[in-house]
Amino acid sequence: MAEGQAAPGNRGRHTLTLAGRERLELDGVQRVENFDDHTVVLETVMGRLTIRGEGLHIHELNLEEGRLRMTGRVSLLAYDDSTQRRRDRRNLLERLLK
């Protein structure tokens, strides 16, 4: 398994819990693409997730289990599943060409 990616057994399970816009828990995280105090960009089993806010801080990151816990004032949660669709199309094409 490549460094920075979740174990294959965790694909498909994705939960997101946001408490009071200040505590966020996620399952299904495959890798962290970018993060700072204002923006966190993750690749999840459901596509790319961008989190924006203030004072964002990652407290726990366990890619083996696909889990992330963070705090801060969350102002935006946005999914972009175009990367997942491209990956699915590529996998379909690979299977057809075998």
Protein backbone atom coordinates (compact mmCIF):
# COMPACT_ATOMS: atom_id res chain seq x y z
CA MET A 1 0.00 0.00 0.00
CA ALA A 2 1.33 3.43 -0.93
CA GLU A 3 2.16 5.84 1.87
CA GLY A 4 -0.58 8.40 2.48
CA GLN A 5 -3.44 6.13 1.39
CA ALA A 6 -6.04 4.25 3.42
CA ALA A 7 -6.18 0.47 3.55
CA PRO A 8 -8.27 -1.05 0.72
CA GLY A 9 -10.70 -2.62 3.20
CA ASN A 10 -11.92 0.83 4.22
CA ARG A 11 -13.18 1.81 0.78
CA GLY A 12 -16.90 2.41 0.62
CA ARG A 13 -17.48 3.41 4.26
CA HIS A 14 -17.76 7.16 4.71
CA THR A 15 -19.26 9.08 7.60
CA LEU A 16 -19.02 12.74 8.49
CA THR A 17 -20.06 14.14 11.87
CA LEU A 18 -19.94 17.88 12.51
CA ALA A 19 -20.78 19.04 16.04
CA GLY A 20 -21.54 22.72 16.55
CA ARG A 21 -19.52 23.63 13.44
CA GLU A 22 -16.42 23.18 15.62
CA ARG A 23 -15.70 19.43 15.88
CA LEU A 24 -15.47 17.27 12.78
CA GLU A 25 -15.02 13.50 12.62
CA LEU A 26 -14.62 11.66 9.32
CA ASP A 27 -14.33 8.03 8.26
CA GLY A 28 -13.37 6.98 4.74
CA VAL A 29 -10.38 9.31 4.42
CA GLN A 30 -7.83 8.00 1.92
CA ARG A 31 -5.28 10.82 2.00
CA VAL A 32 -4.73 14.44 2.93
CA GLU A 33 -3.87 16.51 -0.14
CA ASN A 34 -3.36 19.87 1.56
CA PHE A 35 -4.02 21.58 4.88
CA ASP A 36 -3.47 24.82 6.77
CA ASP A 37 -5.40 26.88 9.35
CA HIS A 38 -8.06 27.85 6.79
CA THR A 39 -8.37 24.95 4.33
CA VAL A 40 -8.15 21.15 4.48
CA VAL A 41 -8.39 19.14 1.25
CA LEU A 42 -8.94 15.39 1.59
CA GLU A 43 -9.42 12.50 -0.79
CA THR A 44 -12.23 10.32 0.58
CA VAL A 45 -13.98 7.23 -0.71
CA MET A 46 -16.76 9.59 -1.86
CA GLY A 47 -14.47 11.99 -3.75
CA ARG A 48 -12.42 15.06 -2.90
CA LEU A 49 -13.64 16.96 0.16
CA THR A 50 -12.66 20.57 0.80
CA ILE A 51 -13.16 21.96 4.30
CA ARG A 52 -12.82 25.70 4.87
CA GLY A 53 -12.95 27.70 8.06
CA GLU A 54 -10.83 29.36 10.72
CA GLY A 55 -8.36 27.83 13.16
CA LEU A 56 -8.62 24.37 11.58
CA HIS A 57 -6.48 21.84 13.41
CA ILE A 58 -6.15 18.10 12.76
CA HIS A 59 -6.05 16.20 16.06
CA GLU A 60 -6.09 12.65 14.75
CA LEU A 61 -5.22 11.20 11.37
CA ASN A 62 -5.21 7.43 10.93
CA LEU A 63 -5.06 6.50 7.25
CA GLU A 64 -4.90 2.78 8.04
CA GLU A 65 -8.43 3.09 9.45
CA GLY A 66 -9.41 6.04 7.23
CA ARG A 67 -10.19 8.25 10.23
CA LEU A 68 -9.66 11.99 10.77
CA ARG A 69 -10.66 14.20 13.72
CA MET A 70 -10.29 17.96 13.64
CA THR A 71 -11.46 21.14 15.35
CA GLY A 72 -11.92 24.75 14.28
CA ARG A 73 -14.74 26.95 13.02
CA VAL A 74 -16.04 25.18 9.88
CA SER A 75 -17.66 27.45 7.29
CA LEU A 76 -17.69 25.19 4.21
CA LEU A 77 -17.82 21.48 3.37
CA ALA A 78 -17.71 20.80 -0.39
CA TYR A 79 -17.39 17.51 -2.28
CA ASP A 80 -15.96 17.25 -5.77
CA ASP A 81 -16.55 13.72 -6.99
CA SER A 82 -15.13 14.30 -10.48
CA THR A 83 -11.87 12.63 -9.40
CA GLN A 84 -13.84 9.57 -8.24
CA ARG A 85 -15.78 9.43 -11.53
CA ARG A 86 -12.52 9.60 -13.53
CA ARG A 87 -11.07 6.81 -11.39
CA ASP A 88 -14.21 4.67 -11.85
CA ARG A 89 -14.12 5.18 -15.64
CA ARG A 90 -10.43 4.28 -15.74
CA ASN A 91 -11.06 1.12 -13.69
CA LEU A 92 -13.92 0.12 -16.00
CA LEU A 93 -11.72 0.66 -19.06
CA GLU A 94 -8.91 -1.39 -17.48
CA ARG A 95 -11.33 -4.26 -16.80
CA LEU A 96 -12.69 -4.15 -20.35
CA LEU A 97 -9.21 -4.25 -21.87
CA LYS A 98 -8.09 -7.29 -19.86
